[in-house]
Amino acid sequence: MLTLDDGKINFHRARCCQCGVCLPSCPTDALSSEPNQAGFFDIVCHHEACIVCNLCVKVCPPNWLPNDRATEEQVRTAPGLYLAHARDERIRWMSSSGGVARTITSEVLAQGRVDAVYSLLYPESQDSTENAADHNGPRPLPERVLPTGEEVKGTWLTVAPPTERIPCSMYRPVLWGSALGQGHKDWQRVLLVGLPCQLKGAERLLKKLLPRTKLFKVAIFCRKQKVLGHTDCIKRMMSRPDEATAQVYYRGAGWPGKSGVYAGGQPLDVDYFYNARCWTLPACHSCPDCLGAGSADLTLTDPWGIVRKQDDPAGSNLVFAWTPAGKELLAQLDSVIACKPCGADDAVRSVDFDHQVADKIRAMPYHLASETSAAGWMRGFVDALATWLAETQLRFMHPRSTPVRMQIAIMRGLRVGVGKITGWLSGKSKR
């Protein structure tokens, strides 16, 4: 997070959401990024070049994120709730869950519905080939991309890219918004695909850079981002600790998908350790908006808790349409995206407001180091302890091992129990 203190721009590592929107906001290029030992990026202000215009602070999402809270009422009153998937089965199988984001990104450009799309993109590869199948049947793994010295990065697209260049969910830090400043003022309509925090910052910046351009926004549901410790764990589990970070994939091969490295090895089922809340980006502890209801036209997520993976192995997305523009976009893409209505109760259960969202909000004061009750402190402390224990075990043990699975199950139960107790105490204190 960037703040203006005593006439200087200061960076606060524990609150940075890694959106990267501040970088193109600076008119004098006084900001740069550097990787840190915590597994993500620091933003560096070169004060000799800074003119203290304060624009970087104004577009920095963590400055107002703690006040933007996702609510159950937002879901229940959403204009549209759907289960959807790409009609192209190849795209569906290679995606995180359903392939809707990939399809929207390509089709709005192919059909000329927008002038440009801003999204993450793999660099072009001289050797891009698809792995034919995983070890459990004819399920295509994500496209193999051999980067030409570049990383996945945010990019403005004006022509529909090959689908293999659009990444699945990235469970590591990526400065998504670093190229937003390369947009053109003559564009009339653009589509942004990103996390809720990224879209919030981008909207503020683009109102200044592209004031006449209409923005359509597709949010990817996000409870937490991951630092590089998560990627390092995958490499260790695949017995390839020295593999390049760019060679790790996180989702794909059906739903809920596989993690691994392109060089080979037995892929990991994503649900072995994703639910342990390990290696969370510190700023995510103080972000209560997983949905982006107030900043996006559509939000896409996994249908956790309402669709069994054995019933839908190819995958589907749970889609929230927040605006008439979002509903219209889905209707326009009916030929390539299949949709069916989803009930509000199912959507609420999938987002898990009663436990994960509510618990996170109750623990926020602990992570923000702000004034909190004993109940709130207890909730935050248990959450931090459980995360530390799981991370420590996963540094030395496989996520399938009995000790890891027992510890994660025990701490998950403790979290739920403490969440109920603190919720009851909070309700009693209000009365």
Protein backbone atom coordinates (compact mmCIF):
# COMPACT_ATOMS: atom_id res chain seq x y z
CA MET A 1 0.00 0.00 0.00
CA LEU A 2 1.20 3.50 -0.80
CA THR A 3 0.56 6.47 1.47
CA LEU A 4 1.64 10.10 1.48
CA ASP A 5 3.36 10.91 4.79
CA ASP A 6 5.33 14.05 5.56
CA GLY A 7 5.54 14.97 1.88
CA LYS A 8 6.89 11.57 0.75
CA ILE A 9 5.34 8.48 -0.83
CA ASN A 10 5.82 5.48 1.46
CA PHE A 11 5.32 1.77 0.79
CA HIS A 12 3.70 -0.56 3.35
CA ARG A 13 4.54 -4.17 2.48
CA ALA A 14 1.96 -5.81 4.76
CA ARG A 15 -0.91 -3.99 3.04
CA CYS A 16 0.14 -4.24 -0.65
CA CYS A 17 -2.33 -6.28 -2.76
CA GLN A 18 0.19 -6.61 -5.64
CA CYS A 19 -2.21 -5.16 -8.22
CA GLY A 20 0.57 -3.13 -9.84
CA VAL A 21 -1.82 -0.30 -10.76
CA CYS A 22 0.39 2.29 -9.07
CA LEU A 23 3.26 1.68 -11.50
CA PRO A 24 1.61 3.13 -14.65
CA SER A 25 -0.09 5.88 -12.63
CA CYS A 26 3.17 7.76 -12.06
CA PRO A 27 3.72 10.53 -14.65
CA THR A 28 7.47 10.65 -13.95
CA ASP A 29 8.18 6.89 -13.70
CA ALA A 30 9.27 7.35 -10.11
CA LEU A 31 7.92 3.93 -9.07
CA SER A 32 9.47 0.53 -9.72
CA SER A 33 9.09 -3.00 -8.34
CA GLU A 34 11.58 -5.36 -6.74
CA PRO A 35 11.08 -8.97 -5.53
CA ASN A 36 11.43 -9.41 -1.78
CA GLN A 37 12.35 -12.34 0.45
CA ALA A 38 8.73 -12.73 1.58
CA GLY A 39 7.81 -14.08 -1.85
CA PHE A 40 6.20 -11.09 -3.57
CA PHE A 41 7.11 -7.57 -4.79
CA ASP A 42 8.03 -4.33 -3.05
CA ILE A 43 7.12 -1.03 -4.67
CA VAL A 44 10.05 1.39 -4.60
CA CYS A 45 9.59 5.16 -4.83
CA HIS A 46 12.56 7.04 -6.25
CA HIS A 47 11.99 10.26 -4.37
CA GLU A 48 14.33 12.31 -6.52
CA ALA A 49 11.96 11.77 -9.48
CA CYS A 50 8.68 11.99 -7.53
CA ILE A 51 6.63 15.18 -7.94
CA VAL A 52 4.26 14.19 -5.10
CA CYS A 53 1.16 14.35 -7.32
CA ASN A 54 -0.39 11.68 -5.05
CA LEU A 55 -2.07 9.85 -7.98
CA CYS A 56 -0.45 6.54 -6.99
CA VAL A 57 -2.01 6.82 -3.53
CA LYS A 58 -5.42 7.68 -4.98
CA VAL A 59 -5.49 4.54 -7.19
CA CYS A 60 -4.04 2.20 -4.50
CA PRO A 61 -6.89 -0.20 -3.53
CA PRO A 62 -5.81 -1.07 0.06
CA ASN A 63 -6.43 2.55 1.06
CA TRP A 64 -10.17 1.88 0.91
CA LEU A 65 -10.52 -1.92 0.60
CA PRO A 66 -11.27 -2.62 4.30
CA ASN A 67 -14.51 -0.66 3.88
CA ASP A 68 -15.75 -2.60 0.80
CA ARG A 69 -17.31 -5.72 2.30
CA ALA A 70 -18.91 -8.57 0.39
CA THR A 71 -22.33 -9.37 1.85
CA GLU A 72 -24.84 -12.16 1.58
CA GLU A 73 -27.44 -9.59 0.52
CA GLN A 74 -25.37 -8.75 -2.57
CA VAL A 75 -25.62 -12.36 -3.70
CA ARG A 76 -29.31 -12.74 -2.92
CA THR A 77 -30.21 -9.58 -4.85
CA ALA A 78 -27.87 -10.13 -7.83
CA PRO A 79 -29.73 -9.64 -11.14
CA GLY A 80 -28.35 -12.94 -12.45
CA LEU A 81 -26.90 -16.13 -10.94
CA TYR A 82 -25.78 -18.92 -13.26
CA LEU A 83 -23.81 -22.11 -13.63
CA ALA A 84 -21.94 -21.72 -16.90
CA HIS A 85 -19.22 -23.31 -18.98
CA ALA A 86 -17.51 -22.96 -22.34
CA ARG A 87 -19.23 -24.93 -25.08
CA ASP A 88 -15.78 -25.77 -26.45
CA GLU A 89 -14.84 -28.86 -24.42
CA ARG A 90 -11.12 -28.38 -25.01
CA ILE A 91 -11.21 -24.89 -23.47
CA ARG A 92 -13.38 -26.19 -20.66
CA TRP A 93 -10.94 -28.96 -19.71
CA MET A 94 -7.81 -26.82 -19.90
CA SER A 95 -9.29 -24.05 -17.70
CA SER A 96 -9.54 -23.59 -13.94
CA SER A 97 -13.28 -24.22 -13.83
CA GLY A 98 -15.52 -24.05 -16.84
CA GLY A 99 -13.50 -21.85 -19.19
CA VAL A 100 -15.86 -18.86 -19.08
CA ALA A 101 -13.12 -16.26 -18.50
CA ARG A 102 -11.00 -17.67 -21.32
CA THR A 103 -13.98 -17.72 -23.68
CA ILE A 104 -15.09 -14.18 -22.84
CA THR A 105 -11.56 -12.84 -23.32
CA SER A 106 -11.25 -14.34 -26.79
CA GLU A 107 -14.80 -13.99 -28.07
CA VAL A 108 -15.46 -10.33 -27.26
CA LEU A 109 -12.46 -9.51 -29.43
CA ALA A 110 -13.25 -12.03 -32.16
CA GLN A 111 -16.83 -10.72 -32.40
CA GLY A 112 -15.79 -7.06 -32.25
CA ARG A 113 -17.79 -6.29 -29.10
CA VAL A 114 -14.92 -4.32 -27.54
CA ASP A 115 -11.86 -2.53 -28.87
CA ALA A 116 -9.47 -4.11 -26.38
CA VAL A 117 -9.22 -6.52 -23.45
CA TYR A 118 -6.82 -6.18 -20.53
CA SER A 119 -5.90 -9.52 -18.98
CA LEU A 120 -2.98 -11.67 -17.94
CA LEU A 121 -1.23 -13.33 -20.87
CA TYR A 122 1.61 -15.76 -21.35
CA PRO A 123 4.37 -14.53 -23.69
CA GLU A 124 4.49 -16.00 -27.16
CA SER A 125 6.30 -19.30 -27.30
CA GLN A 126 8.38 -20.88 -29.99
CA ASP A 127 7.26 -24.31 -28.79
CA SER A 128 3.69 -24.44 -27.49
CA THR A 129 2.31 -27.95 -27.36
CA GLU A 130 -0.47 -29.62 -25.42
CA ASN A 131 0.12 -32.51 -23.10
CA ALA A 132 -2.17 -35.21 -24.41
CA ALA A 133 -3.44 -36.52 -21.10
CA ASP A 134 -2.79 -36.67 -17.42
CA HIS A 135 -2.09 -39.87 -15.50
CA ASN A 136 -5.73 -40.62 -14.76
CA GLY A 137 -7.36 -40.56 -18.17
CA PRO A 138 -7.90 -38.45 -21.29
CA ARG A 139 -7.92 -35.08 -19.58
CA PRO A 140 -5.73 -32.47 -21.29
CA LEU A 141 -3.36 -30.60 -19.04
CA PRO A 142 -2.85 -26.87 -19.55
CA GLU A 143 -0.96 -25.93 -22.69
CA ARG A 144 2.77 -26.20 -22.27
CA VAL A 145 4.29 -22.76 -22.65
CA LEU A 146 8.05 -22.29 -22.80
CA PRO A 147 8.58 -18.59 -22.09
CA THR A 148 11.12 -16.69 -24.15
CA GLY A 149 12.67 -15.02 -21.12
CA GLU A 150 9.45 -13.27 -20.09
CA GLU A 151 6.87 -13.87 -17.40
CA VAL A 152 3.09 -13.97 -17.52
CA LYS A 153 1.96 -10.34 -17.32
CA GLY A 154 -0.91 -7.95 -17.78
CA THR A 155 -1.40 -7.05 -21.44
CA TRP A 156 -3.74 -5.01 -23.63
CA LEU A 157 -5.15 -7.26 -26.37
CA THR A 158 -6.74 -5.97 -29.55
CA VAL A 159 -6.83 -9.33 -31.37
CA ALA A 160 -8.17 -12.58 -29.93
CA PRO A 161 -5.15 -14.54 -28.63
CA PRO A 162 -4.65 -18.32 -28.87
CA THR A 163 -6.45 -19.81 -25.88
CA GLU A 164 -3.25 -21.43 -24.57
CA ARG A 165 -1.76 -17.98 -23.98
CA ILE A 166 -4.51 -17.10 -21.50
CA PRO A 167 -3.43 -18.53 -18.13
CA CYS A 168 -5.51 -20.43 -15.61
CA SER A 169 -5.74 -18.98 -12.11
CA MET A 170 -2.31 -17.83 -10.99
CA TYR A 171 -1.58 -18.66 -7.35
CA ARG A 172 1.46 -16.41 -7.09
CA PRO A 173 2.14 -12.67 -7.17
CA VAL A 174 1.76 -11.01 -10.57
CA LEU A 175 1.75 -7.22 -10.95
CA TRP A 176 -1.38 -7.38 -13.08
CA GLY A 177 -1.86 -3.65 -13.74
CA SER A 178 1.70 -2.70 -14.67
CA ALA A 179 0.83 -2.19 -18.39
CA LEU A 180 -2.49 -0.35 -17.99
CA GLY A 181 -0.83 2.88 -19.09
CA GLN A 182 -0.40 1.50 -22.63
CA GLY A 183 -4.10 1.91 -23.48
CA HIS A 184 -5.27 4.21 -26.30
CA LYS A 185 -7.61 7.14 -25.75
CA ASP A 186 -9.51 6.44 -29.00
CA TRP A 187 -10.85 3.12 -27.66
CA GLN A 188 -14.59 3.32 -27.05
CA ARG A 189 -15.14 0.04 -25.16
CA VAL A 190 -12.66 -2.12 -23.26
CA LEU A 191 -12.99 -5.21 -21.08
CA LEU A 192 -10.92 -5.79 -17.94
CA VAL A 193 -10.46 -9.28 -16.47
CA GLY A 194 -8.90 -9.41 -13.01
CA LEU A 195 -9.34 -9.82 -9.27
CA PRO A 196 -11.73 -7.47 -7.42
CA CYS A 197 -8.90 -5.40 -5.92
CA GLN A 198 -7.20 -5.10 -9.31
CA LEU A 199 -10.38 -3.91 -10.99
CA LYS A 200 -10.99 -1.30 -8.28
CA GLY A 201 -7.57 0.25 -8.80
CA ALA A 202 -7.76 -0.01 -12.60
CA GLU A 203 -11.12 1.75 -12.72
CA ARG A 204 -9.78 4.73 -10.80
CA LEU A 205 -6.67 4.94 -13.00
CA LEU A 206 -8.46 4.51 -16.34
CA LYS A 207 -10.99 7.22 -15.50
CA LYS A 208 -8.00 9.54 -15.73
CA LEU A 209 -6.08 7.89 -18.58
CA LEU A 210 -9.08 6.88 -20.76
CA PRO A 211 -11.85 9.26 -19.63
CA ARG A 212 -14.14 8.63 -22.63
CA THR A 213 -13.80 4.85 -22.70
CA LYS A 214 -16.59 2.61 -21.40
CA LEU A 215 -15.30 -0.11 -19.09
CA PHE A 216 -16.70 -3.64 -18.83
CA LYS A 217 -15.27 -5.60 -15.91
CA VAL A 218 -15.09 -9.33 -15.21
CA ALA A 219 -13.91 -10.18 -11.68
CA ILE A 220 -12.33 -13.48 -10.66
CA PHE A 221 -13.60 -14.43 -7.18
CA CYS A 222 -10.73 -14.23 -4.70
CA ARG A 223 -10.53 -15.04 -1.00
CA LYS A 224 -6.74 -14.76 -0.96
CA GLN A 225 -3.71 -14.48 -3.20
CA LYS A 226 -0.59 -16.57 -2.66
CA VAL A 227 3.05 -15.62 -2.17
CA LEU A 228 5.81 -17.67 -3.81
CA GLY A 229 5.97 -20.15 -0.92
CA HIS A 230 2.96 -21.87 -2.47
CA THR A 231 4.77 -22.29 -5.80
CA ASP A 232 7.89 -23.55 -4.03
CA CYS A 233 5.76 -26.15 -2.23
CA ILE A 234 4.40 -27.44 -5.54
CA LYS A 235 7.94 -27.75 -6.91
CA ARG A 236 9.06 -29.67 -3.81
CA MET A 237 6.09 -32.00 -4.04
CA MET A 238 6.97 -32.65 -7.69
CA SER A 239 10.63 -33.32 -6.72
CA ARG A 240 11.72 -30.38 -8.87
CA PRO A 241 12.75 -27.72 -6.35
CA ASP A 242 15.00 -25.91 -8.84
CA GLU A 243 12.40 -25.67 -11.61
CA ALA A 244 11.73 -22.16 -12.95
CA THR A 245 8.65 -20.53 -11.43
CA ALA A 246 7.26 -19.91 -14.93
CA GLN A 247 7.12 -23.68 -15.49
CA VAL A 248 4.61 -24.29 -12.66
CA TYR A 249 0.89 -24.56 -13.41
CA TYR A 250 -1.83 -24.29 -10.78
CA ARG A 251 -5.12 -25.38 -12.31
CA GLY A 252 -6.46 -27.14 -15.41
CA ALA A 253 -7.06 -30.75 -16.49
CA GLY A 254 -10.70 -30.71 -15.47
CA TRP A 255 -12.25 -29.57 -12.23
CA PRO A 256 -11.09 -28.86 -9.60
CA GLY A 257 -7.90 -29.49 -11.51
CA LYS A 258 -4.24 -30.33 -11.14
CA SER A 259 -1.08 -28.54 -10.05
CA GLY A 260 2.42 -29.41 -11.16
CA VAL A 261 5.28 -28.52 -13.48
CA TYR A 262 5.24 -28.81 -17.24
CA ALA A 263 8.45 -30.82 -17.24
CA GLY A 264 6.55 -33.84 -15.96
CA GLY A 265 5.75 -35.88 -12.88
CA GLN A 266 2.54 -36.99 -11.18
CA PRO A 267 0.25 -33.92 -10.97
CA LEU A 268 -1.17 -32.89 -7.59
CA ASP A 269 -4.89 -32.57 -6.90
CA VAL A 270 -5.47 -28.93 -6.04
CA ASP A 271 -7.64 -29.61 -2.99
CA TYR A 272 -4.79 -31.32 -1.07
CA PHE A 273 -3.41 -28.08 0.33
CA TYR A 274 -5.21 -25.12 -1.25
CA ASN A 275 -7.74 -25.15 1.59
CA ALA A 276 -5.07 -24.86 4.27
CA ARG A 277 -4.89 -21.05 3.84
CA CYS A 278 -1.12 -21.31 3.52
CA TRP A 279 1.20 -18.69 2.05
CA THR A 280 -1.48 -16.01 1.90
CA LEU A 281 -0.44 -12.57 0.69
CA PRO A 282 -0.46 -10.45 3.89
CA ALA A 283 -2.72 -7.76 2.42
CA CYS A 284 -5.47 -10.33 1.77
CA HIS A 285 -6.08 -10.60 5.51
CA SER A 286 -7.44 -7.05 5.45
CA CYS A 287 -9.58 -7.36 2.29
CA PRO A 288 -13.23 -8.29 2.93
CA ASP A 289 -14.35 -8.12 -0.72
CA CYS A 290 -14.02 -11.48 -2.44
CA LEU A 291 -16.83 -10.73 -4.94
CA GLY A 292 -16.27 -7.32 -6.47
CA ALA A 293 -20.02 -6.72 -6.59
CA GLY A 294 -19.63 -2.97 -6.54
CA SER A 295 -16.90 -2.80 -9.16
CA ALA A 296 -17.59 -5.58 -11.71
CA ASP A 297 -20.27 -6.49 -14.24
CA LEU A 298 -19.62 -10.22 -13.79
CA THR A 299 -17.86 -12.31 -11.16
CA LEU A 300 -16.66 -15.85 -11.90
CA THR A 301 -15.81 -18.51 -9.35
CA ASP A 302 -15.75 -22.26 -8.70
CA PRO A 303 -19.03 -23.92 -7.73
CA TRP A 304 -17.63 -25.24 -4.43
CA GLY A 305 -20.19 -26.97 -2.25
CA ILE A 306 -22.97 -27.05 -4.85
CA VAL A 307 -21.42 -29.20 -7.62
CA ARG A 308 -19.60 -32.46 -6.95
CA LYS A 309 -16.46 -33.00 -9.00
CA GLN A 310 -17.59 -36.51 -9.95
CA ASP A 311 -20.78 -35.01 -11.42
CA ASP A 312 -18.98 -32.29 -13.39
CA PRO A 313 -15.38 -33.40 -14.04
CA ALA A 314 -14.94 -30.98 -16.94
CA GLY A 315 -15.86 -28.02 -14.73
CA SER A 316 -18.32 -25.14 -14.59
CA ASN A 317 -18.26 -21.59 -13.29
CA LEU A 318 -20.60 -20.04 -10.79
CA VAL A 319 -21.34 -16.67 -12.41
CA PHE A 320 -22.69 -13.56 -10.69
CA ALA A 321 -24.17 -10.95 -13.05
CA TRP A 322 -24.23 -7.68 -11.12
CA THR A 323 -25.32 -5.29 -13.85
CA PRO A 324 -27.56 -5.27 -16.95
CA ALA A 325 -24.36 -5.02 -19.00
CA GLY A 326 -23.12 -8.26 -17.42
CA LYS A 327 -26.34 -10.12 -18.22
CA GLU A 328 -26.32 -8.75 -21.76
CA LEU A 329 -22.75 -9.89 -22.32
CA LEU A 330 -23.64 -13.47 -21.35
CA ALA A 331 -26.67 -13.37 -23.66
CA GLN A 332 -24.52 -12.13 -26.55
CA LEU A 333 -22.08 -15.02 -26.04
CA ASP A 334 -24.75 -17.73 -25.78
CA SER A 335 -23.33 -19.52 -28.82
CA VAL A 336 -20.03 -20.14 -27.01
CA ILE A 337 -21.04 -20.15 -23.31
CA ALA A 338 -23.76 -22.43 -21.92
CA CYS A 339 -25.67 -20.99 -18.94
CA LYS A 340 -28.36 -22.27 -16.62
CA PRO A 341 -29.89 -20.46 -13.61
CA CYS A 342 -28.49 -21.03 -10.12
CA GLY A 343 -30.49 -20.50 -6.93
CA ALA A 344 -29.50 -17.80 -4.45
CA ASP A 345 -29.26 -20.30 -1.58
CA ASP A 346 -26.78 -22.40 -3.56
CA ALA A 347 -24.72 -19.33 -4.46
CA VAL A 348 -24.59 -18.18 -0.83
CA ARG A 349 -23.55 -21.66 0.30
CA SER A 350 -20.82 -21.83 -2.35
CA VAL A 351 -19.33 -18.48 -1.34
CA ASP A 352 -19.48 -19.71 2.29
CA PHE A 353 -20.51 -16.48 3.99
CA ASP A 354 -21.27 -18.23 7.27
CA HIS A 355 -17.71 -19.45 7.76
CA GLN A 356 -14.87 -18.28 5.52
CA VAL A 357 -16.11 -14.78 4.67
CA ALA A 358 -17.53 -14.00 8.12
CA ASP A 359 -14.46 -15.43 9.88
CA LYS A 360 -12.13 -13.37 7.72
CA ILE A 361 -14.04 -10.16 8.48
CA ARG A 362 -14.00 -10.92 12.23
CA ALA A 363 -10.22 -11.47 12.12
CA MET A 364 -9.47 -8.30 10.15
CA PRO A 365 -8.84 -6.04 13.19
CA TYR A 366 -6.19 -8.50 14.41
CA HIS A 367 -4.32 -8.38 11.07
CA LEU A 368 -4.76 -4.62 10.73
CA ALA A 369 -3.35 -4.21 14.26
CA SER A 370 -6.30 -1.99 15.05
CA GLU A 371 -8.39 -1.92 18.21
CA THR A 372 -10.25 -5.21 18.59
CA SER A 373 -12.20 -7.21 21.14
CA ALA A 374 -10.88 -10.29 22.93
CA ALA A 375 -13.08 -12.41 20.65
CA GLY A 376 -11.65 -10.78 17.53
CA TRP A 377 -8.10 -11.18 18.81
CA MET A 378 -8.75 -14.87 19.54
CA ARG A 379 -10.09 -15.43 16.03
CA GLY A 380 -7.11 -13.73 14.41
CA PHE A 381 -4.57 -15.49 16.59
CA VAL A 382 -6.02 -18.96 15.89
CA ASP A 383 -6.07 -18.19 12.17
CA ALA A 384 -2.41 -17.09 12.21
CA LEU A 385 -1.37 -20.10 14.31
CA ALA A 386 -3.14 -22.59 12.05
CA THR A 387 -1.53 -21.06 8.98
CA TRP A 388 1.95 -21.17 10.53
CA LEU A 389 1.58 -24.82 11.57
CA ALA A 390 0.36 -25.89 8.12
CA GLU A 391 3.12 -24.01 6.30
CA THR A 392 5.76 -25.50 8.58
CA GLN A 393 4.54 -29.05 7.99
CA LEU A 394 4.26 -28.57 4.23
CA ARG A 395 7.89 -27.49 4.05
CA PHE A 396 8.92 -31.01 5.02
CA MET A 397 5.98 -33.31 4.28
CA HIS A 398 3.81 -34.19 1.31
CA PRO A 399 0.26 -32.77 1.48
CA ARG A 400 -1.08 -36.33 1.18
CA SER A 401 0.77 -37.44 4.31
CA THR A 402 -1.34 -38.39 7.31
CA PRO A 403 0.20 -35.84 9.74
CA VAL A 404 -0.48 -32.96 7.34
CA ARG A 405 -4.04 -34.02 6.61
CA MET A 406 -4.76 -34.56 10.33
CA GLN A 407 -3.30 -31.20 11.31
CA ILE A 408 -5.22 -29.33 8.59
CA ALA A 409 -8.48 -31.08 9.55
CA ILE A 410 -7.95 -30.35 13.27
CA MET A 411 -7.12 -26.69 12.71
CA ARG A 412 -10.01 -26.30 10.29
CA GLY A 413 -12.33 -27.64 12.97
CA LEU A 414 -10.75 -25.32 15.54
CA ARG A 415 -11.24 -22.37 13.20
CA VAL A 416 -14.92 -23.23 12.79
CA GLY A 417 -15.38 -23.66 16.53
CA VAL A 418 -13.62 -20.40 17.41
CA GLY A 419 -15.55 -18.66 14.63
CA LYS A 420 -18.86 -19.76 16.16
CA ILE A 421 -17.77 -18.76 19.66
CA THR A 422 -16.51 -15.34 18.58
CA GLY A 423 -19.63 -14.81 16.48
CA TRP A 424 -21.79 -15.58 19.49
CA LEU A 425 -19.71 -13.28 21.70
CA SER A 426 -19.93 -10.48 19.12
CA GLY A 427 -23.71 -10.86 18.92
CA LYS A 428 -24.02 -10.92 22.71
CA SER A 429 -21.91 -7.75 23.10
CA LYS A 430 -24.12 -5.93 20.58
CA ARG A 431 -27.21 -6.86 22.59
